[in-house]
Amino acid sequence: WFGPNRDGHAPAQAVRTDWDKNPPTKLWQTPCGGGYSSLAVTGGRAYTQDRQGGNERVLCLDADTGSPVWAREYP
């Protein structure tokens, strides 16, 4: 959240702008429902939230593979 120093600033370095010609490599993807959550990554895990049917869901994924570690649903 807000970058590596949690201050909303990126480290001073060149930012790539050629993503159309040289897109980043996709490491993994996993099914996810709708929502407005971003990802938080720490300790080898990626955390996010989505909506499945009538329930909200909190997900924990393996950050290297995208494999589900756990999920909790609630109405």
PDB file of N, CA and C in Angstrom:
ATOM      1  N   TRP A   1       0.848  -1.162   0.000  1.00  0.00           N
ATOM      2  CA  TRP A   1       0.000   0.000   0.000  1.00  0.00           C
ATOM      3  C   TRP A   1       0.899   1.231   0.000  1.00  0.00           C
ATOM      4  N   PHE A   2       0.769   2.064  -1.005  1.00  0.00           N
ATOM      5  CA  PHE A   2       1.548   3.290  -1.152  1.00  0.00           C
ATOM      6  C   PHE A   2       3.032   3.064  -1.421  1.00  0.00           C
ATOM      7  N   GLY A   3       3.405   1.872  -1.903  1.00  0.00           N
ATOM      8  CA  GLY A   3       4.789   1.637  -2.316  1.00  0.00           C
ATOM      9  C   GLY A   3       5.685   1.095  -1.229  1.00  0.00           C
ATOM     10  N   PRO A   4       6.953   0.901  -1.570  1.00  0.00           N
ATOM     11  CA  PRO A   4       7.873   0.218  -0.655  1.00  0.00           C
ATOM     12  C   PRO A   4       8.118   0.955   0.658  1.00  0.00           C
ATOM     13  N   ASN A   5       7.980   2.266   0.666  1.00  0.00           N
ATOM     14  CA  ASN A   5       8.179   3.033   1.894  1.00  0.00           C
ATOM     15  C   ASN A   5       6.878   3.500   2.515  1.00  0.00           C
ATOM     16  N   ARG A   6       5.753   3.058   1.937  1.00  0.00           N
ATOM     17  CA  ARG A   6       4.411   3.411   2.416  1.00  0.00           C
ATOM     18  C   ARG A   6       4.190   4.928   2.454  1.00  0.00           C
ATOM     19  N   ASP A   7       4.816   5.640   1.501  1.00  0.00           N
ATOM     20  CA  ASP A   7       4.688   7.088   1.476  1.00  0.00           C
ATOM     21  C   ASP A   7       4.103   7.622   0.166  1.00  0.00           C
ATOM     22  N   GLY A   8       3.653   6.734  -0.716  1.00  0.00           N
ATOM     23  CA  GLY A   8       3.052   7.166  -1.974  1.00  0.00           C
ATOM     24  C   GLY A   8       4.046   7.602  -3.031  1.00  0.00           C
ATOM     25  N   HIS A   9       5.339   7.365  -2.809  1.00  0.00           N
ATOM     26  CA  HIS A   9       6.377   7.767  -3.754  1.00  0.00           C
ATOM     27  C   HIS A   9       7.116   6.541  -4.281  1.00  0.00           C
ATOM     28  N   ALA A  10       7.399   6.563  -5.579  1.00  0.00           N
ATOM     29  CA  ALA A  10       8.201   5.496  -6.190  1.00  0.00           C
ATOM     30  C   ALA A  10       9.666   5.882  -6.109  1.00  0.00           C
ATOM     31  N   PRO A  11      10.546   4.876  -6.020  1.00  0.00           N
ATOM     32  CA  PRO A  11      11.976   5.189  -6.015  1.00  0.00           C
ATOM     33  C   PRO A  11      12.363   5.954  -7.288  1.00  0.00           C
ATOM     34  N   ALA A  12      13.338   6.844  -7.178  1.00  0.00           N
ATOM     35  CA  ALA A  12      13.783   7.649  -8.322  1.00  0.00           C
ATOM     36  C   ALA A  12      14.556   6.763  -9.296  1.00  0.00           C
ATOM     37  N   GLN A  13      13.916   6.413 -10.378  1.00  0.00           N
ATOM     38  CA  GLN A  13      14.541   5.641 -11.446  1.00  0.00           C
ATOM     39  C   GLN A  13      13.687   5.789 -12.692  1.00  0.00           C
ATOM     40  N   ALA A  14      14.227   5.385 -13.805  1.00  0.00           N
ATOM     41  CA  ALA A  14      13.488   5.492 -15.072  1.00  0.00           C
ATOM     42  C   ALA A  14      12.239   4.611 -15.025  1.00  0.00           C
ATOM     43  N   VAL A  15      11.143   5.130 -15.532  1.00  0.00           N
ATOM     44  CA  VAL A  15       9.895   4.385 -15.616  1.00  0.00           C
ATOM     45  C   VAL A  15       9.687   3.989 -17.067  1.00  0.00           C
ATOM     46  N   ARG A  16       9.483   2.702 -17.296  1.00  0.00           N
ATOM     47  CA  ARG A  16       9.261   2.237 -18.661  1.00  0.00           C
ATOM     48  C   ARG A  16       7.972   2.806 -19.210  1.00  0.00           C
ATOM     49  N   THR A  17       7.992   3.218 -20.467  1.00  0.00           N
ATOM     50  CA  THR A  17       6.794   3.747 -21.128  1.00  0.00           C
ATOM     51  C   THR A  17       6.491   3.003 -22.419  1.00  0.00           C
ATOM     52  N   ASP A  18       7.208   1.917 -22.703  1.00  0.00           N
ATOM     53  CA  ASP A  18       7.034   1.185 -23.966  1.00  0.00           C
ATOM     54  C   ASP A  18       6.218  -0.095 -23.792  1.00  0.00           C
ATOM     55  N   TRP A  19       5.223  -0.091 -22.922  1.00  0.00           N
ATOM     56  CA  TRP A  19       4.483  -1.303 -22.609  1.00  0.00           C
ATOM     57  C   TRP A  19       3.727  -1.865 -23.814  1.00  0.00           C
ATOM     58  N   ASP A  20       3.316  -1.029 -24.770  1.00  0.00           N
ATOM     59  CA  ASP A  20       2.654  -1.550 -25.970  1.00  0.00           C
ATOM     60  C   ASP A  20       3.623  -2.389 -26.797  1.00  0.00           C
ATOM     61  N   LYS A  21       4.843  -1.944 -26.934  1.00  0.00           N
ATOM     62  CA  LYS A  21       5.849  -2.656 -27.727  1.00  0.00           C
ATOM     63  C   LYS A  21       6.554  -3.747 -26.933  1.00  0.00           C
ATOM     64  N   ASN A  22       6.679  -3.562 -25.641  1.00  0.00           N
ATOM     65  CA  ASN A  22       7.427  -4.477 -24.793  1.00  0.00           C
ATOM     66  C   ASN A  22       6.660  -4.697 -23.484  1.00  0.00           C
ATOM     67  N   PRO A  23       5.533  -5.433 -23.547  1.00  0.00           N
ATOM     68  CA  PRO A  23       4.704  -5.591 -22.346  1.00  0.00           C
ATOM     69  C   PRO A  23       5.413  -6.428 -21.283  1.00  0.00           C
ATOM     70  N   PRO A  24       5.031  -6.226 -20.029  1.00  0.00           N
ATOM     71  CA  PRO A  24       5.604  -7.048 -18.961  1.00  0.00           C
ATOM     72  C   PRO A  24       5.201  -8.508 -19.138  1.00  0.00           C
ATOM     73  N   THR A  25       6.010  -9.407 -18.631  1.00  0.00           N
ATOM     74  CA  THR A  25       5.723 -10.836 -18.691  1.00  0.00           C
ATOM     75  C   THR A  25       4.681 -11.191 -17.644  1.00  0.00           C
ATOM     76  N   LYS A  26       3.619 -11.877 -18.070  1.00  0.00           N
ATOM     77  CA  LYS A  26       2.601 -12.326 -17.126  1.00  0.00           C
ATOM     78  C   LYS A  26       3.157 -13.520 -16.364  1.00  0.00           C
ATOM     79  N   LEU A  27       3.198 -13.429 -15.055  1.00  0.00           N
ATOM     80  CA  LEU A  27       3.714 -14.505 -14.225  1.00  0.00           C
ATOM     81  C   LEU A  27       2.647 -15.533 -13.904  1.00  0.00           C
ATOM     82  N   TRP A  28       1.423 -15.085 -13.649  1.00  0.00           N
ATOM     83  CA  TRP A  28       0.312 -15.972 -13.358  1.00  0.00           C
ATOM     84  C   TRP A  28      -0.981 -15.170 -13.388  1.00  0.00           C
ATOM     85  N   GLN A  29      -2.090 -15.861 -13.437  1.00  0.00           N
ATOM     86  CA  GLN A  29      -3.396 -15.240 -13.252  1.00  0.00           C
ATOM     87  C   GLN A  29      -4.284 -16.231 -12.540  1.00  0.00           C
ATOM     88  N   THR A  30      -5.320 -15.728 -11.906  1.00  0.00           N
ATOM     89  CA  THR A  30      -6.252 -16.579 -11.179  1.00  0.00           C
ATOM     90  C   THR A  30      -7.646 -15.967 -11.294  1.00  0.00           C
ATOM     91  N   PRO A  31      -8.687 -16.784 -11.303  1.00  0.00           N
ATOM     92  CA  PRO A  31     -10.046 -16.238 -11.393  1.00  0.00           C
ATOM     93  C   PRO A  31     -10.358 -15.349 -10.181  1.00  0.00           C
ATOM     94  N   CYS A  32     -11.025 -14.244 -10.459  1.00  0.00           N
ATOM     95  CA  CYS A  32     -11.389 -13.311  -9.399  1.00  0.00           C
ATOM     96  C   CYS A  32     -12.676 -12.608  -9.809  1.00  0.00           C
ATOM     97  N   GLY A  33     -13.560 -12.421  -8.859  1.00  0.00           N
ATOM     98  CA  GLY A  33     -14.812 -11.740  -9.147  1.00  0.00           C
ATOM     99  C   GLY A  33     -14.638 -10.234  -9.157  1.00  0.00           C
ATOM    100  N   GLY A  34     -15.742  -9.535  -9.306  1.00  0.00           N
ATOM    101  CA  GLY A  34     -15.722  -8.085  -9.357  1.00  0.00           C
ATOM    102  C   GLY A  34     -15.425  -7.461  -8.015  1.00  0.00           C
ATOM    103  N   GLY A  35     -15.099  -6.183  -8.048  1.00  0.00           N
ATOM    104  CA  GLY A  35     -14.830  -5.446  -6.825  1.00  0.00           C
ATOM    105  C   GLY A  35     -13.901  -4.283  -7.086  1.00  0.00           C
ATOM    106  N   TYR A  36     -13.473  -3.642  -6.034  1.00  0.00           N
ATOM    107  CA  TYR A  36     -12.630  -2.453  -6.139  1.00  0.00           C
ATOM    108  C   TYR A  36     -11.339  -2.596  -5.348  1.00  0.00           C
ATOM    109  N   SER A  37     -10.920  -3.796  -5.073  1.00  0.00           N
ATOM    110  CA  SER A  37      -9.739  -4.028  -4.260  1.00  0.00           C
ATOM    111  C   SER A  37      -8.478  -4.086  -5.114  1.00  0.00           C
ATOM    112  N   SER A  38      -7.374  -3.685  -4.543  1.00  0.00           N
ATOM    113  CA  SER A  38      -6.072  -3.900  -5.165  1.00  0.00           C
ATOM    114  C   SER A  38      -5.429  -5.088  -4.450  1.00  0.00           C
ATOM    115  N   LEU A  39      -4.164  -5.318  -4.709  1.00  0.00           N
ATOM    116  CA  LEU A  39      -3.447  -6.391  -4.041  1.00  0.00           C
ATOM    117  C   LEU A  39      -2.486  -5.822  -3.009  1.00  0.00           C
ATOM    118  N   ALA A  40      -2.327  -6.529  -1.914  1.00  0.00           N
ATOM    119  CA  ALA A  40      -1.272  -6.251  -0.936  1.00  0.00           C
ATOM    120  C   ALA A  40      -0.394  -7.488  -0.927  1.00  0.00           C
ATOM    121  N   VAL A  41       0.916  -7.306  -1.076  1.00  0.00           N
ATOM    122  CA  VAL A  41       1.842  -8.434  -1.145  1.00  0.00           C
ATOM    123  C   VAL A  41       2.858  -8.314  -0.033  1.00  0.00           C
ATOM    124  N   THR A  42       2.977  -9.373   0.763  1.00  0.00           N
ATOM    125  CA  THR A  42       3.973  -9.417   1.830  1.00  0.00           C
ATOM    126  C   THR A  42       4.229 -10.872   2.205  1.00  0.00           C
ATOM    127  N   GLY A  43       5.442 -11.164   2.576  1.00  0.00           N
ATOM    128  CA  GLY A  43       5.773 -12.502   3.066  1.00  0.00           C
ATOM    129  C   GLY A  43       5.442 -13.617   2.099  1.00  0.00           C
ATOM    130  N   GLY A  44       5.551 -13.372   0.802  1.00  0.00           N
ATOM    131  CA  GLY A  44       5.272 -14.420  -0.172  1.00  0.00           C
ATOM    132  C   GLY A  44       3.798 -14.678  -0.431  1.00  0.00           C
ATOM    133  N   ARG A  45       2.939 -13.822   0.098  1.00  0.00           N
ATOM    134  CA  ARG A  45       1.487 -13.966  -0.093  1.00  0.00           C
ATOM    135  C   ARG A  45       0.928 -12.697  -0.720  1.00  0.00           C
ATOM    136  N   ALA A  46      -0.124 -12.848  -1.522  1.00  0.00           N
ATOM    137  CA  ALA A  46      -0.850 -11.729  -2.109  1.00  0.00           C
ATOM    138  C   ALA A  46      -2.279 -11.779  -1.570  1.00  0.00           C
ATOM    139  N   TYR A  47      -2.771 -10.650  -1.069  1.00  0.00           N
ATOM    140  CA  TYR A  47      -4.104 -10.575  -0.464  1.00  0.00           C
ATOM    141  C   TYR A  47      -4.962  -9.619  -1.273  1.00  0.00           C
ATOM    142  N   THR A  48      -6.238 -10.001  -1.463  1.00  0.00           N
ATOM    143  CA  THR A  48      -7.182  -9.138  -2.164  1.00  0.00           C
ATOM    144  C   THR A  48      -8.596  -9.497  -1.729  1.00  0.00           C
ATOM    145  N   GLN A  49      -9.559  -8.771  -2.249  1.00  0.00           N
ATOM    146  CA  GLN A  49     -10.970  -9.028  -1.984  1.00  0.00           C
ATOM    147  C   GLN A  49     -11.719  -9.035  -3.305  1.00  0.00           C
ATOM    148  N   ASP A  50     -12.815  -9.802  -3.359  1.00  0.00           N
ATOM    149  CA  ASP A  50     -13.685  -9.773  -4.528  1.00  0.00           C
ATOM    150  C   ASP A  50     -15.104 -10.108  -4.093  1.00  0.00           C
ATOM    151  N   ARG A  51     -15.975 -10.228  -5.062  1.00  0.00           N
ATOM    152  CA  ARG A  51     -17.368 -10.577  -4.806  1.00  0.00           C
ATOM    153  C   ARG A  51     -17.690 -11.822  -5.614  1.00  0.00           C
ATOM    154  N   GLN A  52     -18.266 -12.816  -4.959  1.00  0.00           N
ATOM    155  CA  GLN A  52     -18.693 -14.053  -5.593  1.00  0.00           C
ATOM    156  C   GLN A  52     -20.175 -14.246  -5.307  1.00  0.00           C
ATOM    157  N   GLY A  53     -21.011 -14.118  -6.354  1.00  0.00           N
ATOM    158  CA  GLY A  53     -22.454 -14.220  -6.137  1.00  0.00           C
ATOM    159  C   GLY A  53     -22.894 -13.128  -5.183  1.00  0.00           C
ATOM    160  N   GLY A  54     -23.564 -13.503  -4.094  1.00  0.00           N
ATOM    161  CA  GLY A  54     -24.024 -12.530  -3.112  1.00  0.00           C
ATOM    162  C   GLY A  54     -23.057 -12.331  -1.966  1.00  0.00           C
ATOM    163  N   ASN A  55     -21.877 -12.911  -2.046  1.00  0.00           N
ATOM    164  CA  ASN A  55     -20.919 -12.841  -0.942  1.00  0.00           C
ATOM    165  C   ASN A  55     -19.675 -12.033  -1.295  1.00  0.00           C
ATOM    166  N   GLU A  56     -19.130 -11.392  -0.281  1.00  0.00           N
ATOM    167  CA  GLU A  56     -17.810 -10.780  -0.381  1.00  0.00           C
ATOM    168  C   GLU A  56     -16.806 -11.875  -0.010  1.00  0.00           C
ATOM    169  N   ARG A  57     -15.569 -11.717  -0.502  1.00  0.00           N
ATOM    170  CA  ARG A  57     -14.566 -12.742  -0.233  1.00  0.00           C
ATOM    171  C   ARG A  57     -13.204 -12.091  -0.042  1.00  0.00           C
ATOM    172  N   VAL A  58     -12.458 -12.577   0.928  1.00  0.00           N
ATOM    173  CA  VAL A  58     -11.063 -12.184   1.128  1.00  0.00           C
ATOM    174  C   VAL A  58     -10.223 -13.366   0.684  1.00  0.00           C
ATOM    175  N   LEU A  59      -9.221 -13.095  -0.176  1.00  0.00           N
ATOM    176  CA  LEU A  59      -8.385 -14.153  -0.736  1.00  0.00           C
ATOM    177  C   LEU A  59      -6.942 -13.989  -0.313  1.00  0.00           C
ATOM    178  N   CYS A  60      -6.277 -15.097  -0.077  1.00  0.00           N
ATOM    179  CA  CYS A  60      -4.841 -15.130   0.128  1.00  0.00           C
ATOM    180  C   CYS A  60      -4.279 -16.072  -0.931  1.00  0.00           C
ATOM    181  N   LEU A  61      -3.344 -15.554  -1.746  1.00  0.00           N
ATOM    182  CA  LEU A  61      -2.750 -16.320  -2.840  1.00  0.00           C
ATOM    183  C   LEU A  61      -1.251 -16.426  -2.642  1.00  0.00           C
ATOM    184  N   ASP A  62      -0.670 -17.497  -3.149  1.00  0.00           N
ATOM    185  CA  ASP A  62       0.776 -17.605  -3.179  1.00  0.00           C
ATOM    186  C   ASP A  62       1.292 -16.577  -4.180  1.00  0.00           C
ATOM    187  N   ALA A  63       2.167 -15.685  -3.766  1.00  0.00           N
ATOM    188  CA  ALA A  63       2.610 -14.588  -4.635  1.00  0.00           C
ATOM    189  C   ALA A  63       3.451 -15.081  -5.810  1.00  0.00           C
ATOM    190  N   ASP A  64       4.076 -16.232  -5.703  1.00  0.00           N
ATOM    191  CA  ASP A  64       4.905 -16.752  -6.791  1.00  0.00           C
ATOM    192  C   ASP A  64       4.103 -17.488  -7.852  1.00  0.00           C
ATOM    193  N   THR A  65       3.009 -18.143  -7.434  1.00  0.00           N
ATOM    194  CA  THR A  65       2.270 -19.002  -8.366  1.00  0.00           C
ATOM    195  C   THR A  65       0.827 -18.577  -8.603  1.00  0.00           C
ATOM    196  N   GLY A  66       0.259 -17.770  -7.709  1.00  0.00           N
ATOM    197  CA  GLY A  66      -1.152 -17.404  -7.799  1.00  0.00           C
ATOM    198  C   GLY A  66      -2.083 -18.463  -7.248  1.00  0.00           C
ATOM    199  N   SER A  67      -1.536 -19.554  -6.734  1.00  0.00           N
ATOM    200  CA  SER A  67      -2.366 -20.626  -6.169  1.00  0.00           C
ATOM    201  C   SER A  67      -3.054 -20.145  -4.897  1.00  0.00           C
ATOM    202  N   PRO A  68      -4.328 -20.509  -4.721  1.00  0.00           N
ATOM    203  CA  PRO A  68      -5.036 -20.112  -3.501  1.00  0.00           C
ATOM    204  C   PRO A  68      -4.399 -20.742  -2.265  1.00  0.00           C
ATOM    205  N   VAL A  69      -4.240 -19.934  -1.228  1.00  0.00           N
ATOM    206  CA  VAL A  69      -3.780 -20.413   0.066  1.00  0.00           C
ATOM    207  C   VAL A  69      -4.994 -20.578   0.983  1.00  0.00           C
ATOM    208  N   TRP A  70      -5.829 -19.551   1.021  1.00  0.00           N
ATOM    209  CA  TRP A  70      -7.101 -19.623   1.728  1.00  0.00           C
ATOM    210  C   TRP A  70      -8.040 -18.547   1.202  1.00  0.00           C
ATOM    211  N   ALA A  71      -9.317 -18.712   1.498  1.00  0.00           N
ATOM    212  CA  ALA A  71     -10.352 -17.727   1.141  1.00  0.00           C
ATOM    213  C   ALA A  71     -11.413 -17.740   2.239  1.00  0.00           C
ATOM    214  N   ARG A  72     -11.942 -16.575   2.545  1.00  0.00           N
ATOM    215  CA  ARG A  72     -13.022 -16.451   3.533  1.00  0.00           C
ATOM    216  C   ARG A  72     -14.151 -15.656   2.877  1.00  0.00           C
ATOM    217  N   GLU A  73     -15.367 -16.233   2.894  1.00  0.00           N
ATOM    218  CA  GLU A  73     -16.535 -15.558   2.318  1.00  0.00           C
ATOM    219  C   GLU A  73     -17.453 -15.091   3.435  1.00  0.00           C
ATOM    220  N   TYR A  74     -18.173 -13.997   3.165  1.00  0.00           N
ATOM    221  CA  TYR A  74     -19.151 -13.497   4.112  1.00  0.00           C
ATOM    222  C   TYR A  74     -20.227 -12.743   3.326  1.00  0.00           C
ATOM    223  N   PRO A  75     -21.460 -12.741   3.872  1.00  0.00           N
ATOM    224  CA  PRO A  75     -22.558 -12.077   3.138  1.00  0.00           C
ATOM    225  C   PRO A  75     -22.394 -10.563   3.067  1.00  0.00           C
TER     226      PRO A  75
END
